[in-house]
Amino acid sequence: MSDIVNIAQSCYDRFASAMAHLRSPLLLAIRLYWGLQLSIDGWNKLHNLNRVGEYFSTLNLPMPAQTAIFVSLVELIGGFTLAIGLFTRITALVLFINMTVAFLAAEKGAFFAVITDPDKFQGASAYNDWFAALLILILGPGLFAIDTLLRRRFLPDRERAHSPA
C-alpha cells in the first residue's frame, strides 16, 4: 500500500512542479490583458470626461468632474504600468481600491451579493478588473516584469531571496 501512496505522491509532485512553471506566463497574460483593458478604459474616459463626470454625479460621488479625471488617469497609467510590470504590487493595490470603489458606487448590491448571489457578484462590470488586480496584488508580477528585472539588477542575492516577487 505504501508503494501506491509513494507513486501517487511522486506523480502529484511532478504535476505540481509542471504547473508551477506556468505561474509566470499566467501572471504575464493577466497583467497584459487586464492592464491593457484598463488603459483603454482610462483613455476612453479621458476623451469623454463630460459624460463620465455626469455619470459620477448620478452616483453621488464627490467632485464628479475631478473624480472623473482622477479615475481616468488611474486606469490609464495604472493599466499601463500593470501591463509592463512596473511598481506592480503598488499599482495593483491602487487599481484594486479603485475597482472596489467602482463596485460599491455603481453596483453595491452585486458587491454584497458575493455569498447570497455569486452570479450577480461575478456578473458585475467591475468584477473582472477587481479580481485581476487582487490576483496580481497577492501573487506579484511573476518573472516577466520590469519589477523582476530591476530587483535582479539592484538587489544583492541575499536581499532578493527575502523579497517577495
Protein backbone atom coordinates (compact mmCIF):
# COMPACT_ATOMS: atom_id res chain seq x y z
CA MET A 1 0.00 0.00 0.00
CA SER A 2 2.82 2.44 0.80
CA ASP A 3 4.24 1.91 -2.73
CA ILE A 4 0.96 3.12 -4.22
CA VAL A 5 0.98 6.15 -1.93
CA ASN A 6 4.62 6.92 -2.84
CA ILE A 7 3.89 6.62 -6.57
CA ALA A 8 0.81 8.82 -6.24
CA GLN A 9 2.79 11.40 -4.23
CA SER A 10 5.61 11.36 -6.78
CA CYS A 11 3.17 11.85 -9.68
CA TYR A 12 1.43 14.67 -7.85
CA ASP A 13 4.75 16.36 -7.05
CA ARG A 14 5.80 16.23 -10.72
CA PHE A 15 2.41 17.59 -11.78
CA ALA A 16 2.59 20.42 -9.21
CA SER A 17 6.11 21.28 -10.37
CA ALA A 18 5.00 21.41 -14.00
CA MET A 19 2.07 23.66 -13.08
CA ALA A 20 4.35 25.96 -11.06
CA HIS A 21 6.28 26.65 -14.27
CA LEU A 22 3.09 28.15 -15.72
CA ARG A 23 2.70 30.71 -12.92
CA SER A 24 4.75 33.48 -14.53
CA PRO A 25 3.26 33.08 -18.03
CA LEU A 26 -0.22 33.18 -16.48
CA LEU A 27 0.60 36.29 -14.45
CA LEU A 28 2.02 37.91 -17.59
CA ALA A 29 -1.16 37.11 -19.51
CA ILE A 30 -3.35 38.53 -16.72
CA ARG A 31 -1.22 41.68 -16.47
CA LEU A 32 -1.13 42.24 -20.22
CA TYR A 33 -4.80 41.60 -20.88
CA TRP A 34 -6.33 43.44 -17.94
CA GLY A 35 -3.66 46.11 -17.83
CA LEU A 36 -4.24 47.00 -21.46
CA GLN A 37 -8.03 46.86 -20.97
CA LEU A 38 -7.78 49.24 -18.03
CA SER A 39 -5.55 51.58 -20.04
CA ILE A 40 -8.05 51.60 -22.88
CA ASP A 41 -10.89 52.28 -20.43
CA GLY A 42 -8.90 55.14 -18.90
CA TRP A 43 -8.10 56.56 -22.34
CA ASN A 44 -11.77 56.39 -23.35
CA LYS A 45 -12.82 58.07 -20.10
CA LEU A 46 -10.29 60.87 -20.67
CA HIS A 47 -11.85 61.52 -24.06
CA ASN A 48 -15.38 61.57 -22.63
CA LEU A 49 -14.82 63.41 -19.35
CA ASN A 50 -18.16 65.25 -19.50
CA ARG A 51 -20.13 62.00 -19.80
CA VAL A 52 -18.03 60.28 -17.14
CA GLY A 53 -18.42 63.27 -14.79
CA GLU A 54 -22.19 63.28 -15.35
CA TYR A 55 -22.35 59.55 -14.64
CA PHE A 56 -20.29 60.01 -11.47
CA SER A 57 -22.67 62.75 -10.34
CA THR A 58 -25.60 60.28 -10.66
CA LEU A 59 -23.65 58.02 -8.30
CA ASN A 60 -23.32 60.91 -5.83
CA LEU A 61 -19.53 60.76 -5.97
CA PRO A 62 -17.84 63.88 -4.57
CA MET A 63 -16.45 66.36 -7.11
CA PRO A 64 -17.57 64.24 -10.09
CA ALA A 65 -15.59 66.17 -12.73
CA GLN A 66 -12.33 65.94 -10.75
CA THR A 67 -13.07 62.33 -9.80
CA ALA A 68 -13.57 61.53 -13.48
CA ILE A 69 -10.13 62.93 -14.31
CA PHE A 70 -8.53 61.11 -11.37
CA VAL A 71 -10.15 57.74 -12.18
CA SER A 72 -9.31 58.10 -15.87
CA LEU A 73 -5.65 58.72 -15.10
CA VAL A 74 -5.51 55.93 -12.52
CA GLU A 75 -6.86 53.48 -15.08
CA LEU A 76 -4.74 54.78 -17.98
CA ILE A 77 -1.43 54.95 -16.13
CA GLY A 78 -2.15 52.10 -13.71
CA GLY A 79 -3.23 49.79 -16.50
CA PHE A 80 -0.08 50.54 -18.47
CA THR A 81 2.27 50.04 -15.50
CA LEU A 82 0.41 46.85 -14.57
CA ALA A 83 0.81 45.53 -18.12
CA ILE A 84 4.57 46.12 -18.20
CA GLY A 85 5.07 45.01 -14.61
CA LEU A 86 6.36 48.27 -13.15
CA PHE A 87 5.58 49.06 -9.49
CA THR A 88 3.27 46.09 -9.88
CA ARG A 89 2.02 45.47 -6.36
CA ILE A 90 1.53 49.18 -5.58
CA THR A 91 -0.26 49.61 -8.91
CA ALA A 92 -2.40 46.53 -8.25
CA LEU A 93 -3.32 47.92 -4.81
CA VAL A 94 -4.36 51.29 -6.29
CA LEU A 95 -6.36 49.57 -9.03
CA PHE A 96 -7.95 47.18 -6.52
CA ILE A 97 -9.07 50.12 -4.38
CA ASN A 98 -10.29 51.96 -7.49
CA MET A 99 -12.31 48.94 -8.63
CA THR A 100 -13.66 48.35 -5.11
CA VAL A 101 -14.94 51.94 -5.05
CA ALA A 102 -16.41 51.44 -8.54
CA PHE A 103 -18.06 48.23 -7.37
CA LEU A 104 -19.52 49.91 -4.27
CA ALA A 105 -20.59 53.08 -6.06
CA ALA A 106 -22.15 51.58 -9.17
CA GLU A 107 -23.05 48.01 -8.19
CA LYS A 108 -23.29 47.91 -4.42
CA GLY A 109 -25.95 45.21 -4.45
CA ALA A 110 -23.76 42.97 -6.57
CA PHE A 111 -20.74 43.55 -4.33
CA PHE A 112 -22.60 42.48 -1.21
CA ALA A 113 -24.20 39.52 -3.01
CA VAL A 114 -20.88 37.67 -3.07
CA ILE A 115 -22.31 34.91 -0.83
CA THR A 116 -26.05 35.12 -1.47
CA ASP A 117 -25.92 35.54 -5.26
CA PRO A 118 -22.42 34.80 -6.61
CA ASP A 119 -23.62 35.08 -10.23
CA LYS A 120 -24.68 38.67 -9.58
CA PHE A 121 -21.31 39.39 -7.93
CA GLN A 122 -19.31 37.84 -10.75
CA GLY A 123 -21.53 39.42 -13.40
CA ALA A 124 -20.85 42.97 -12.21
CA SER A 125 -18.91 45.10 -14.69
CA ALA A 126 -16.16 45.86 -12.15
CA TYR A 127 -15.63 42.21 -11.17
CA ASN A 128 -13.01 41.16 -13.74
CA ASP A 129 -10.77 44.18 -13.21
CA TRP A 130 -11.25 43.91 -9.43
CA PHE A 131 -10.33 40.23 -9.41
CA ALA A 132 -7.33 40.65 -11.75
CA ALA A 133 -5.96 43.44 -9.54
CA LEU A 134 -6.47 41.25 -6.46
CA LEU A 135 -4.61 38.32 -8.06
CA ILE A 136 -1.63 40.46 -9.07
CA LEU A 137 -1.63 42.19 -5.68
CA ILE A 138 -1.35 38.85 -3.90
CA LEU A 139 0.73 36.81 -6.35
CA GLY A 140 3.00 39.57 -7.63
CA PRO A 141 4.14 40.25 -11.18
CA GLY A 142 5.89 36.96 -11.93
CA LEU A 143 9.22 36.61 -13.71
CA PHE A 144 8.29 38.51 -16.88
CA ALA A 145 8.07 42.01 -15.41
CA ILE A 146 10.20 45.12 -15.20
CA ASP A 147 9.99 44.84 -11.40
CA THR A 148 11.73 41.46 -11.59
CA LEU A 149 14.46 42.82 -13.86
CA LEU A 150 15.04 45.78 -11.53
CA ARG A 151 15.11 43.52 -8.46
CA ARG A 152 17.70 41.28 -10.10
CA ARG A 153 19.79 44.26 -11.17
CA PHE A 154 19.77 46.29 -7.97
CA LEU A 155 19.17 43.91 -5.06
CA PRO A 156 22.01 41.73 -3.84
CA ASP A 157 21.27 37.99 -3.91
CA ARG A 158 20.85 37.89 -0.13
CA GLU A 159 18.16 40.59 -0.13
CA ARG A 160 16.47 39.22 -3.25
CA ALA A 161 15.93 35.87 -1.52
CA HIS A 162 13.81 37.59 1.14
CA SER A 163 12.00 39.96 -1.21
CA PRO A 164 8.54 38.90 -2.45
CA ALA A 165 8.11 38.61 -6.22
